[in-house]
mmCIF file of all heavy atoms, coordinates in Angstrom:
data_MODEL
# 
_entry.id   MODEL 
# 
loop_
_atom_site.group_PDB 
_atom_site.id 
_atom_site.type_symbol 
_atom_site.label_atom_id 
_atom_site.label_alt_id 
_atom_site.label_comp_id 
_atom_site.label_asym_id 
_atom_site.label_entity_id 
_atom_site.label_seq_id 
_atom_site.pdbx_PDB_ins_code 
_atom_site.Cartn_x 
_atom_site.Cartn_y 
_atom_site.Cartn_z 
_atom_site.occupancy 
_atom_site.B_iso_or_equiv 
_atom_site.pdbx_formal_charge 
_atom_site.auth_seq_id 
_atom_site.auth_comp_id 
_atom_site.auth_asym_id 
_atom_site.auth_atom_id 
_atom_site.pdbx_PDB_model_num 
ATOM 1   N N   . GLY A 1 1  ? 44.507 -95.570  -0.564  1.00 0.00 ? 1  GLY A N   1 
ATOM 2   C CA  . GLY A 1 1  ? 44.614 -96.851  -1.238  1.00 0.00 ? 1  GLY A CA  1 
ATOM 3   C C   . GLY A 1 1  ? 45.058 -96.729  -2.685  1.00 0.00 ? 1  GLY A C   1 
ATOM 4   O O   . GLY A 1 1  ? 45.844 -97.541  -3.187  1.00 0.00 ? 1  GLY A O   1 
ATOM 5   N N   . SER A 1 2  ? 44.576 -95.704  -3.372  1.00 0.00 ? 2  SER A N   1 
ATOM 6   C CA  . SER A 1 2  ? 44.978 -95.533  -4.758  1.00 0.00 ? 2  SER A CA  1 
ATOM 7   C C   . SER A 1 2  ? 46.458 -95.186  -4.851  1.00 0.00 ? 2  SER A C   1 
ATOM 8   O O   . SER A 1 2  ? 47.131 -95.582  -5.801  1.00 0.00 ? 2  SER A O   1 
ATOM 9   C CB  . SER A 1 2  ? 44.135 -94.461  -5.445  1.00 0.00 ? 2  SER A CB  1 
ATOM 10  O OG  . SER A 1 2  ? 44.253 -93.234  -4.763  1.00 0.00 ? 2  SER A OG  1 
ATOM 11  N N   . SER A 1 3  ? 46.977 -94.484  -3.870  1.00 0.00 ? 3  SER A N   1 
ATOM 12  C CA  . SER A 1 3  ? 48.405 -94.172  -3.856  1.00 0.00 ? 3  SER A CA  1 
ATOM 13  C C   . SER A 1 3  ? 49.252 -95.429  -3.698  1.00 0.00 ? 3  SER A C   1 
ATOM 14  O O   . SER A 1 3  ? 50.327 -95.528  -4.253  1.00 0.00 ? 3  SER A O   1 
ATOM 15  C CB  . SER A 1 3  ? 48.731 -93.199  -2.724  1.00 0.00 ? 3  SER A CB  1 
ATOM 16  O OG  . SER A 1 3  ? 48.156 -91.948  -2.969  1.00 0.00 ? 3  SER A OG  1 
ATOM 17  N N   . GLN A 1 4  ? 48.766 -96.383  -2.934  1.00 0.00 ? 4  GLN A N   1 
ATOM 18  C CA  . GLN A 1 4  ? 49.473 -97.643  -2.797  1.00 0.00 ? 4  GLN A CA  1 
ATOM 19  C C   . GLN A 1 4  ? 49.574 -98.371  -4.126  1.00 0.00 ? 4  GLN A C   1 
ATOM 20  O O   . GLN A 1 4  ? 50.638 -98.866  -4.504  1.00 0.00 ? 4  GLN A O   1 
ATOM 21  C CB  . GLN A 1 4  ? 48.779 -98.540  -1.772  1.00 0.00 ? 4  GLN A CB  1 
ATOM 22  C CG  . GLN A 1 4  ? 48.866 -98.062  -0.365  1.00 0.00 ? 4  GLN A CG  1 
ATOM 23  C CD  . GLN A 1 4  ? 48.035 -98.907  0.586   1.00 0.00 ? 4  GLN A CD  1 
ATOM 24  O OE1 . GLN A 1 4  ? 47.099 -99.578  0.172   1.00 0.00 ? 4  GLN A OE1 1 
ATOM 25  N NE2 . GLN A 1 4  ? 48.410 -98.884  1.830   1.00 0.00 ? 4  GLN A NE2 1 
ATOM 26  N N   . LEU A 1 5  ? 48.469 -98.413  -4.843  1.00 0.00 ? 5  LEU A N   1 
ATOM 27  C CA  . LEU A 1 5  ? 48.462 -99.085  -6.144  1.00 0.00 ? 5  LEU A CA  1 
ATOM 28  C C   . LEU A 1 5  ? 49.357 -98.363  -7.151  1.00 0.00 ? 5  LEU A C   1 
ATOM 29  O O   . LEU A 1 5  ? 50.083 -99.017  -7.918  1.00 0.00 ? 5  LEU A O   1 
ATOM 30  C CB  . LEU A 1 5  ? 47.039 -99.190  -6.672  1.00 0.00 ? 5  LEU A CB  1 
ATOM 31  C CG  . LEU A 1 5  ? 46.077 -100.060 -5.850  1.00 0.00 ? 5  LEU A CG  1 
ATOM 32  C CD1 . LEU A 1 5  ? 44.678 -99.993  -6.433  1.00 0.00 ? 5  LEU A CD1 1 
ATOM 33  C CD2 . LEU A 1 5  ? 46.560 -101.483 -5.787  1.00 0.00 ? 5  LEU A CD2 1 
ATOM 34  N N   . VAL A 1 6  ? 49.325 -97.039  -7.132  1.00 0.00 ? 6  VAL A N   1 
ATOM 35  C CA  . VAL A 1 6  ? 50.166 -96.273  -8.040  1.00 0.00 ? 6  VAL A CA  1 
ATOM 36  C C   . VAL A 1 6  ? 51.637 -96.488  -7.702  1.00 0.00 ? 6  VAL A C   1 
ATOM 37  O O   . VAL A 1 6  ? 52.479 -96.674  -8.587  1.00 0.00 ? 6  VAL A O   1 
ATOM 38  C CB  . VAL A 1 6  ? 49.803 -94.778  -8.005  1.00 0.00 ? 6  VAL A CB  1 
ATOM 39  C CG1 . VAL A 1 6  ? 50.847 -93.916  -8.673  1.00 0.00 ? 6  VAL A CG1 1 
ATOM 40  C CG2 . VAL A 1 6  ? 48.450 -94.552  -8.622  1.00 0.00 ? 6  VAL A CG2 1 
ATOM 41  N N   . PHE A 1 7  ? 51.960 -96.503  -6.419  1.00 0.00 ? 7  PHE A N   1 
ATOM 42  C CA  . PHE A 1 7  ? 53.361 -96.706  -5.989  1.00 0.00 ? 7  PHE A CA  1 
ATOM 43  C C   . PHE A 1 7  ? 53.865 -98.070  -6.474  1.00 0.00 ? 7  PHE A C   1 
ATOM 44  O O   . PHE A 1 7  ? 54.965 -98.161  -7.029  1.00 0.00 ? 7  PHE A O   1 
ATOM 45  C CB  . PHE A 1 7  ? 53.478 -96.596  -4.473  1.00 0.00 ? 7  PHE A CB  1 
ATOM 46  C CG  . PHE A 1 7  ? 54.876 -96.727  -3.973  1.00 0.00 ? 7  PHE A CG  1 
ATOM 47  C CD1 . PHE A 1 7  ? 55.740 -95.657  -4.000  1.00 0.00 ? 7  PHE A CD1 1 
ATOM 48  C CD2 . PHE A 1 7  ? 55.341 -97.951  -3.486  1.00 0.00 ? 7  PHE A CD2 1 
ATOM 49  C CE1 . PHE A 1 7  ? 57.049 -95.784  -3.549  1.00 0.00 ? 7  PHE A CE1 1 
ATOM 50  C CE2 . PHE A 1 7  ? 56.646 -98.083  -3.041  1.00 0.00 ? 7  PHE A CE2 1 
ATOM 51  C CZ  . PHE A 1 7  ? 57.492 -97.007  -3.074  1.00 0.00 ? 7  PHE A CZ  1 
ATOM 52  N N   . VAL A 1 8  ? 53.076 -99.101  -6.274  1.00 0.00 ? 8  VAL A N   1 
ATOM 53  C CA  . VAL A 1 8  ? 53.497 -100.439 -6.687  1.00 0.00 ? 8  VAL A CA  1 
ATOM 54  C C   . VAL A 1 8  ? 53.659 -100.500 -8.202  1.00 0.00 ? 8  VAL A C   1 
ATOM 55  O O   . VAL A 1 8  ? 54.644 -101.056 -8.712  1.00 0.00 ? 8  VAL A O   1 
ATOM 56  C CB  . VAL A 1 8  ? 52.481 -101.511 -6.200  1.00 0.00 ? 8  VAL A CB  1 
ATOM 57  C CG1 . VAL A 1 8  ? 52.738 -102.847 -6.829  1.00 0.00 ? 8  VAL A CG1 1 
ATOM 58  C CG2 . VAL A 1 8  ? 52.528 -101.614 -4.684  1.00 0.00 ? 8  VAL A CG2 1 
ATOM 59  N N   . ASP A 1 9  ? 52.727 -99.917  -8.931  1.00 0.00 ? 9  ASP A N   1 
ATOM 60  C CA  . ASP A 1 9  ? 52.818 -99.932  -10.396 1.00 0.00 ? 9  ASP A CA  1 
ATOM 61  C C   . ASP A 1 9  ? 54.028 -99.157  -10.890 1.00 0.00 ? 9  ASP A C   1 
ATOM 62  O O   . ASP A 1 9  ? 54.748 -99.611  -11.776 1.00 0.00 ? 9  ASP A O   1 
ATOM 63  C CB  . ASP A 1 9  ? 51.537 -99.351  -10.996 1.00 0.00 ? 9  ASP A CB  1 
ATOM 64  C CG  . ASP A 1 9  ? 51.516 -99.474  -12.512 1.00 0.00 ? 9  ASP A CG  1 
ATOM 65  O OD1 . ASP A 1 9  ? 51.851 -100.565 -13.016 1.00 0.00 ? 9  ASP A OD1 1 
ATOM 66  O OD2 . ASP A 1 9  ? 51.186 -98.468  -13.159 1.00 0.00 ? 9  ASP A OD2 1 
ATOM 67  N N   . LEU A 1 10 ? 54.271 -97.986  -10.311 1.00 0.00 ? 10 LEU A N   1 
ATOM 68  C CA  . LEU A 1 10 ? 55.417 -97.185  -10.738 1.00 0.00 ? 10 LEU A CA  1 
ATOM 69  C C   . LEU A 1 10 ? 56.743 -97.847  -10.346 1.00 0.00 ? 10 LEU A C   1 
ATOM 70  O O   . LEU A 1 10 ? 57.725 -97.752  -11.075 1.00 0.00 ? 10 LEU A O   1 
ATOM 71  C CB  . LEU A 1 10 ? 55.350 -95.784  -10.167 1.00 0.00 ? 10 LEU A CB  1 
ATOM 72  C CG  . LEU A 1 10 ? 54.267 -94.881  -10.775 1.00 0.00 ? 10 LEU A CG  1 
ATOM 73  C CD1 . LEU A 1 10 ? 54.226 -93.533  -10.074 1.00 0.00 ? 10 LEU A CD1 1 
ATOM 74  C CD2 . LEU A 1 10 ? 54.474 -94.719  -12.256 1.00 0.00 ? 10 LEU A CD2 1 
ATOM 75  N N   . MET A 1 11 ? 56.796 -98.511  -9.223  1.00 0.00 ? 11 MET A N   1 
ATOM 76  C CA  . MET A 1 11 ? 58.023 -99.229  -8.845  1.00 0.00 ? 11 MET A CA  1 
ATOM 77  C C   . MET A 1 11 ? 58.280 -100.373 -9.807  1.00 0.00 ? 11 MET A C   1 
ATOM 78  O O   . MET A 1 11 ? 59.431 -100.689 -10.093 1.00 0.00 ? 11 MET A O   1 
ATOM 79  C CB  . MET A 1 11 ? 57.926 -99.750  -7.411  1.00 0.00 ? 11 MET A CB  1 
ATOM 80  C CG  . MET A 1 11 ? 58.187 -98.715  -6.354  1.00 0.00 ? 11 MET A CG  1 
ATOM 81  S SD  . MET A 1 11 ? 59.832 -97.992  -6.437  1.00 0.00 ? 11 MET A SD  1 
ATOM 82  C CE  . MET A 1 11 ? 60.835 -99.387  -5.987  1.00 0.00 ? 11 MET A CE  1 
ATOM 83  N N   . GLN A 1 12 ? 57.228 -100.959 -10.328 1.00 0.00 ? 12 GLN A N   1 
ATOM 84  C CA  . GLN A 1 12 ? 57.396 -102.069 -11.272 1.00 0.00 ? 12 GLN A CA  1 
ATOM 85  C C   . GLN A 1 12 ? 57.905 -101.551 -12.617 1.00 0.00 ? 12 GLN A C   1 
ATOM 86  O O   . GLN A 1 12 ? 58.768 -102.162 -13.232 1.00 0.00 ? 12 GLN A O   1 
ATOM 87  C CB  . GLN A 1 12 ? 56.062 -102.798 -11.463 1.00 0.00 ? 12 GLN A CB  1 
ATOM 88  C CG  . GLN A 1 12 ? 56.148 -103.955 -12.427 1.00 0.00 ? 12 GLN A CG  1 
ATOM 89  C CD  . GLN A 1 12 ? 54.790 -104.591 -12.666 1.00 0.00 ? 12 GLN A CD  1 
ATOM 90  O OE1 . GLN A 1 12 ? 53.767 -104.047 -12.306 1.00 0.00 ? 12 GLN A OE1 1 
ATOM 91  N NE2 . GLN A 1 12 ? 54.804 -105.749 -13.275 1.00 0.00 ? 12 GLN A NE2 1 
ATOM 92  N N   . THR A 1 13 ? 57.401 -100.412 -13.047 1.00 0.00 ? 13 THR A N   1 
ATOM 93  C CA  . THR A 1 13 ? 57.761 -99.923  -14.384 1.00 0.00 ? 13 THR A CA  1 
ATOM 94  C C   . THR A 1 13 ? 58.980 -99.009  -14.373 1.00 0.00 ? 13 THR A C   1 
ATOM 95  O O   . THR A 1 13 ? 59.787 -99.062  -15.293 1.00 0.00 ? 13 THR A O   1 
ATOM 96  C CB  . THR A 1 13 ? 56.562 -99.180  -15.019 1.00 0.00 ? 13 THR A CB  1 
ATOM 97  O OG1 . THR A 1 13 ? 56.171 -98.106  -14.165 1.00 0.00 ? 13 THR A OG1 1 
ATOM 98  C CG2 . THR A 1 13 ? 55.413 -100.114 -15.248 1.00 0.00 ? 13 THR A CG2 1 
ATOM 99  N N   . LEU A 1 14 ? 59.117 -98.149  -13.364 1.00 0.00 ? 14 LEU A N   1 
ATOM 100 C CA  . LEU A 1 14 ? 60.202 -97.163  -13.355 1.00 0.00 ? 14 LEU A CA  1 
ATOM 101 C C   . LEU A 1 14 ? 61.420 -97.617  -12.564 1.00 0.00 ? 14 LEU A C   1 
ATOM 102 O O   . LEU A 1 14 ? 62.520 -97.196  -12.872 1.00 0.00 ? 14 LEU A O   1 
ATOM 103 C CB  . LEU A 1 14 ? 59.704 -95.834  -12.762 1.00 0.00 ? 14 LEU A CB  1 
ATOM 104 C CG  . LEU A 1 14 ? 58.580 -95.146  -13.502 1.00 0.00 ? 14 LEU A CG  1 
ATOM 105 C CD1 . LEU A 1 14 ? 58.101 -93.936  -12.712 1.00 0.00 ? 14 LEU A CD1 1 
ATOM 106 C CD2 . LEU A 1 14 ? 59.034 -94.735  -14.884 1.00 0.00 ? 14 LEU A CD2 1 
ATOM 107 N N   . ALA A 1 15 ? 61.226 -98.412  -11.548 1.00 0.00 ? 15 ALA A N   1 
ATOM 108 C CA  . ALA A 1 15 ? 62.298 -98.905  -10.672 1.00 0.00 ? 15 ALA A CA  1 
ATOM 109 C C   . ALA A 1 15 ? 63.035 -97.756  -9.977  1.00 0.00 ? 15 ALA A C   1 
ATOM 110 O O   . ALA A 1 15 ? 64.201 -97.888  -9.674  1.00 0.00 ? 15 ALA A O   1 
ATOM 111 C CB  . ALA A 1 15 ? 63.260 -99.800  -11.438 1.00 0.00 ? 15 ALA A CB  1 
ATOM 112 N N   . SER A 1 16 ? 62.376 -96.633  -9.769  1.00 0.00 ? 16 SER A N   1 
ATOM 113 C CA  . SER A 1 16 ? 62.981 -95.519  -9.046  1.00 0.00 ? 16 SER A CA  1 
ATOM 114 C C   . SER A 1 16 ? 62.073 -95.158  -7.864  1.00 0.00 ? 16 SER A C   1 
ATOM 115 O O   . SER A 1 16 ? 60.943 -94.680  -8.079  1.00 0.00 ? 16 SER A O   1 
ATOM 116 C CB  . SER A 1 16 ? 63.124 -94.317  -9.965  1.00 0.00 ? 16 SER A CB  1 
ATOM 117 O OG  . SER A 1 16 ? 63.473 -93.173  -9.219  1.00 0.00 ? 16 SER A OG  1 
ATOM 118 N N   . PRO A 1 17 ? 62.513 -95.375  -6.642  1.00 0.00 ? 17 PRO A N   1 
ATOM 119 C CA  . PRO A 1 17 ? 61.679 -95.060  -5.493  1.00 0.00 ? 17 PRO A CA  1 
ATOM 120 C C   . PRO A 1 17 ? 61.270 -93.585  -5.421  1.00 0.00 ? 17 PRO A C   1 
ATOM 121 O O   . PRO A 1 17 ? 60.171 -93.255  -5.011  1.00 0.00 ? 17 PRO A O   1 
ATOM 122 C CB  . PRO A 1 17 ? 62.540 -95.438  -4.296  1.00 0.00 ? 17 PRO A CB  1 
ATOM 123 C CG  . PRO A 1 17 ? 63.541 -96.407  -4.823  1.00 0.00 ? 17 PRO A CG  1 
ATOM 124 C CD  . PRO A 1 17 ? 63.760 -96.014  -6.238  1.00 0.00 ? 17 PRO A CD  1 
ATOM 125 N N   . LEU A 1 18 ? 62.167 -92.694  -5.838  1.00 0.00 ? 18 LEU A N   1 
ATOM 126 C CA  . LEU A 1 18 ? 61.833 -91.274  -5.800  1.00 0.00 ? 18 LEU A CA  1 
ATOM 127 C C   . LEU A 1 18 ? 60.710 -90.944  -6.773  1.00 0.00 ? 18 LEU A C   1 
ATOM 128 O O   . LEU A 1 18 ? 59.742 -90.249  -6.411  1.00 0.00 ? 18 LEU A O   1 
ATOM 129 C CB  . LEU A 1 18 ? 63.068 -90.432  -6.131  1.00 0.00 ? 18 LEU A CB  1 
ATOM 130 C CG  . LEU A 1 18 ? 62.850 -88.929  -6.166  1.00 0.00 ? 18 LEU A CG  1 
ATOM 131 C CD1 . LEU A 1 18 ? 62.404 -88.433  -4.793  1.00 0.00 ? 18 LEU A CD1 1 
ATOM 132 C CD2 . LEU A 1 18 ? 64.102 -88.212  -6.616  1.00 0.00 ? 18 LEU A CD2 1 
ATOM 133 N N   . GLN A 1 19 ? 60.783 -91.446  -7.994  1.00 0.00 ? 19 GLN A N   1 
ATOM 134 C CA  . GLN A 1 19 ? 59.719 -91.202  -8.970  1.00 0.00 ? 19 GLN A CA  1 
ATOM 135 C C   . GLN A 1 19 ? 58.396 -91.842  -8.540  1.00 0.00 ? 19 GLN A C   1 
ATOM 136 O O   . GLN A 1 19 ? 57.333 -91.247  -8.710  1.00 0.00 ? 19 GLN A O   1 
ATOM 137 C CB  . GLN A 1 19 ? 60.113 -91.721  -10.332 1.00 0.00 ? 19 GLN A CB  1 
ATOM 138 C CG  . GLN A 1 19 ? 61.208 -90.927  -11.001 1.00 0.00 ? 19 GLN A CG  1 
ATOM 139 C CD  . GLN A 1 19 ? 61.650 -91.553  -12.312 1.00 0.00 ? 19 GLN A CD  1 
ATOM 140 O OE1 . GLN A 1 19 ? 61.591 -92.766  -12.479 1.00 0.00 ? 19 GLN A OE1 1 
ATOM 141 N NE2 . GLN A 1 19 ? 62.103 -90.716  -13.245 1.00 0.00 ? 19 GLN A NE2 1 
ATOM 142 N N   . ALA A 1 20 ? 58.487 -93.028  -7.973  1.00 0.00 ? 20 ALA A N   1 
ATOM 143 C CA  . ALA A 1 20 ? 57.267 -93.701  -7.507  1.00 0.00 ? 20 ALA A CA  1 
ATOM 144 C C   . ALA A 1 20 ? 56.639 -92.935  -6.341  1.00 0.00 ? 20 ALA A C   1 
ATOM 145 O O   . ALA A 1 20 ? 55.414 -92.796  -6.267  1.00 0.00 ? 20 ALA A O   1 
ATOM 146 C CB  . ALA A 1 20 ? 57.584 -95.128  -7.090  1.00 0.00 ? 20 ALA A CB  1 
ATOM 147 N N   . THR A 1 21 ? 57.464 -92.412  -5.446  1.00 0.00 ? 21 THR A N   1 
ATOM 148 C CA  . THR A 1 21 ? 56.949 -91.625  -4.332  1.00 0.00 ? 21 THR A CA  1 
ATOM 149 C C   . THR A 1 21 ? 56.299 -90.345  -4.815  1.00 0.00 ? 21 THR A C   1 
ATOM 150 O O   . THR A 1 21 ? 55.212 -89.973  -4.371  1.00 0.00 ? 21 THR A O   1 
ATOM 151 C CB  . THR A 1 21 ? 58.080 -91.318  -3.321  1.00 0.00 ? 21 THR A CB  1 
ATOM 152 O OG1 . THR A 1 21 ? 58.641 -92.537  -2.874  1.00 0.00 ? 21 THR A OG1 1 
ATOM 153 C CG2 . THR A 1 21 ? 57.563 -90.541  -2.136  1.00 0.00 ? 21 THR A CG2 1 
ATOM 154 N N   . LEU A 1 22 ? 56.965 -89.650  -5.736  1.00 0.00 ? 22 LEU A N   1 
ATOM 155 C CA  . LEU A 1 22 ? 56.393 -88.422  -6.277  1.00 0.00 ? 22 LEU A CA  1 
ATOM 156 C C   . LEU A 1 22 ? 55.089 -88.700  -7.018  1.00 0.00 ? 22 LEU A C   1 
ATOM 157 O O   . LEU A 1 22 ? 54.122 -87.948  -6.879  1.00 0.00 ? 22 LEU A O   1 
ATOM 158 C CB  . LEU A 1 22 ? 57.411 -87.731  -7.205  1.00 0.00 ? 22 LEU A CB  1 
ATOM 159 C CG  . LEU A 1 22 ? 58.613 -87.103  -6.526  1.00 0.00 ? 22 LEU A CG  1 
ATOM 160 C CD1 . LEU A 1 22 ? 59.597 -86.601  -7.583  1.00 0.00 ? 22 LEU A CD1 1 
ATOM 161 C CD2 . LEU A 1 22 ? 58.197 -85.989  -5.593  1.00 0.00 ? 22 LEU A CD2 1 
ATOM 162 N N   . GLY A 1 23 ? 55.067 -89.751  -7.802  1.00 0.00 ? 23 GLY A N   1 
ATOM 163 C CA  . GLY A 1 23 ? 53.861 -90.100  -8.536  1.00 0.00 ? 23 GLY A CA  1 
ATOM 164 C C   . GLY A 1 23 ? 52.684 -90.438  -7.638  1.00 0.00 ? 23 GLY A C   1 
ATOM 165 O O   . GLY A 1 23 ? 51.560 -90.018  -7.879  1.00 0.00 ? 23 GLY A O   1 
ATOM 166 N N   . SER A 1 24 ? 52.948 -91.183  -6.581  1.00 0.00 ? 24 SER A N   1 
ATOM 167 C CA  . SER A 1 24 ? 51.870 -91.522  -5.655  1.00 0.00 ? 24 SER A CA  1 
ATOM 168 C C   . SER A 1 24 ? 51.415 -90.316  -4.846  1.00 0.00 ? 24 SER A C   1 
ATOM 169 O O   . SER A 1 24 ? 50.253 -90.225  -4.489  1.00 0.00 ? 24 SER A O   1 
ATOM 170 C CB  . SER A 1 24 ? 52.278 -92.677  -4.736  1.00 0.00 ? 24 SER A CB  1 
ATOM 171 O OG  . SER A 1 24 ? 53.347 -92.283  -3.921  1.00 0.00 ? 24 SER A OG  1 
ATOM 172 N N   . ASN A 1 25 ? 52.304 -89.367  -4.599  1.00 0.00 ? 25 ASN A N   1 
ATOM 173 C CA  . ASN A 1 25 ? 51.903 -88.136  -3.891  1.00 0.00 ? 25 ASN A CA  1 
ATOM 174 C C   . ASN A 1 25 ? 51.068 -87.238  -4.791  1.00 0.00 ? 25 ASN A C   1 
ATOM 175 O O   . ASN A 1 25 ? 50.189 -86.535  -4.317  1.00 0.00 ? 25 ASN A O   1 
ATOM 176 C CB  . ASN A 1 25 ? 53.128 -87.376  -3.389  1.00 0.00 ? 25 ASN A CB  1 
ATOM 177 C CG  . ASN A 1 25 ? 53.691 -88.007  -2.142  1.00 0.00 ? 25 ASN A CG  1 
ATOM 178 O OD1 . ASN A 1 25 ? 52.965 -88.601  -1.358  1.00 0.00 ? 25 ASN A OD1 1 
ATOM 179 N ND2 . ASN A 1 25 ? 54.982 -87.869  -1.959  1.00 0.00 ? 25 ASN A ND2 1 
ATOM 180 N N   . ILE A 1 26 ? 51.340 -87.263  -6.086  1.00 0.00 ? 26 ILE A N   1 
ATOM 181 C CA  . ILE A 1 26 ? 50.520 -86.468  -7.011  1.00 0.00 ? 26 ILE A CA  1 
ATOM 182 C C   . ILE A 1 26 ? 49.087 -87.016  -7.022  1.00 0.00 ? 26 ILE A C   1 
ATOM 183 O O   . ILE A 1 26 ? 48.110 -86.254  -7.095  1.00 0.00 ? 26 ILE A O   1 
ATOM 184 C CB  . ILE A 1 26 ? 51.144 -86.493  -8.432  1.00 0.00 ? 26 ILE A CB  1 
ATOM 185 C CG1 . ILE A 1 26 ? 52.413 -85.643  -8.412  1.00 0.00 ? 26 ILE A CG1 1 
ATOM 186 C CG2 . ILE A 1 26 ? 50.151 -86.019  -9.475  1.00 0.00 ? 26 ILE A CG2 1 
ATOM 187 C CD1 . ILE A 1 26 ? 53.209 -85.730  -9.667  1.00 0.00 ? 26 ILE A CD1 1 
ATOM 188 N N   . VAL A 1 27 ? 48.944 -88.307  -6.922  1.00 0.00 ? 27 VAL A N   1 
ATOM 189 C CA  . VAL A 1 27 ? 47.585 -88.908  -6.872  1.00 0.00 ? 27 VAL A CA  1 
ATOM 190 C C   . VAL A 1 27 ? 46.874 -88.419  -5.610  1.00 0.00 ? 27 VAL A C   1 
ATOM 191 O O   . VAL A 1 27 ? 45.681 -88.129  -5.643  1.00 0.00 ? 27 VAL A O   1 
ATOM 192 C CB  . VAL A 1 27 ? 47.676 -90.448  -6.889  1.00 0.00 ? 27 VAL A CB  1 
ATOM 193 C CG1 . VAL A 1 27 ? 46.340 -91.068  -6.568  1.00 0.00 ? 27 VAL A CG1 1 
ATOM 194 C CG2 . VAL A 1 27 ? 48.174 -90.924  -8.230  1.00 0.00 ? 27 VAL A CG2 1 
ATOM 195 N N   . ASN A 1 28 ? 47.563 -88.289  -4.526  1.00 0.00 ? 28 ASN A N   1 
ATOM 196 C CA  . ASN A 1 28 ? 46.946 -87.838  -3.262  1.00 0.00 ? 28 ASN A CA  1 
ATOM 197 C C   . ASN A 1 28 ? 46.722 -86.329  -3.244  1.00 0.00 ? 28 ASN A C   1 
ATOM 198 O O   . ASN A 1 28 ? 46.006 -85.843  -2.374  1.00 0.00 ? 28 ASN A O   1 
ATOM 199 C CB  . ASN A 1 28 ? 47.798 -88.235  -2.063  1.00 0.00 ? 28 ASN A CB  1 
ATOM 200 C CG  . ASN A 1 28 ? 47.278 -89.491  -1.419  1.00 0.00 ? 28 ASN A CG  1 
ATOM 201 O OD1 . ASN A 1 28 ? 46.171 -89.923  -1.669  1.00 0.00 ? 28 ASN A OD1 1 
ATOM 202 N ND2 . ASN A 1 28 ? 48.093 -90.083  -0.590  1.00 0.00 ? 28 ASN A ND2 1 
ATOM 203 N N   . ALA A 1 29 ? 47.327 -85.580  -4.147  1.00 0.00 ? 29 ALA A N   1 
ATOM 204 C CA  . ALA A 1 29 ? 47.190 -84.140  -4.158  1.00 0.00 ? 29 ALA A CA  1 
ATOM 205 C C   . ALA A 1 29 ? 45.810 -83.687  -4.610  1.00 0.00 ? 29 ALA A C   1 
ATOM 206 O O   . ALA A 1 29 ? 45.481 -82.509  -4.477  1.00 0.00 ? 29 ALA A O   1 
ATOM 207 C CB  . ALA A 1 29 ? 48.255 -83.507  -5.049  1.00 0.00 ? 29 ALA A CB  1 
# 
């Protein structure tokens, strides 16, 4: 669930799906 929130937030601020995916995976790591 926290990865979902991070992904949505990063997509809003960065607008890069790759960066948002990497950021949300780091949260799950």
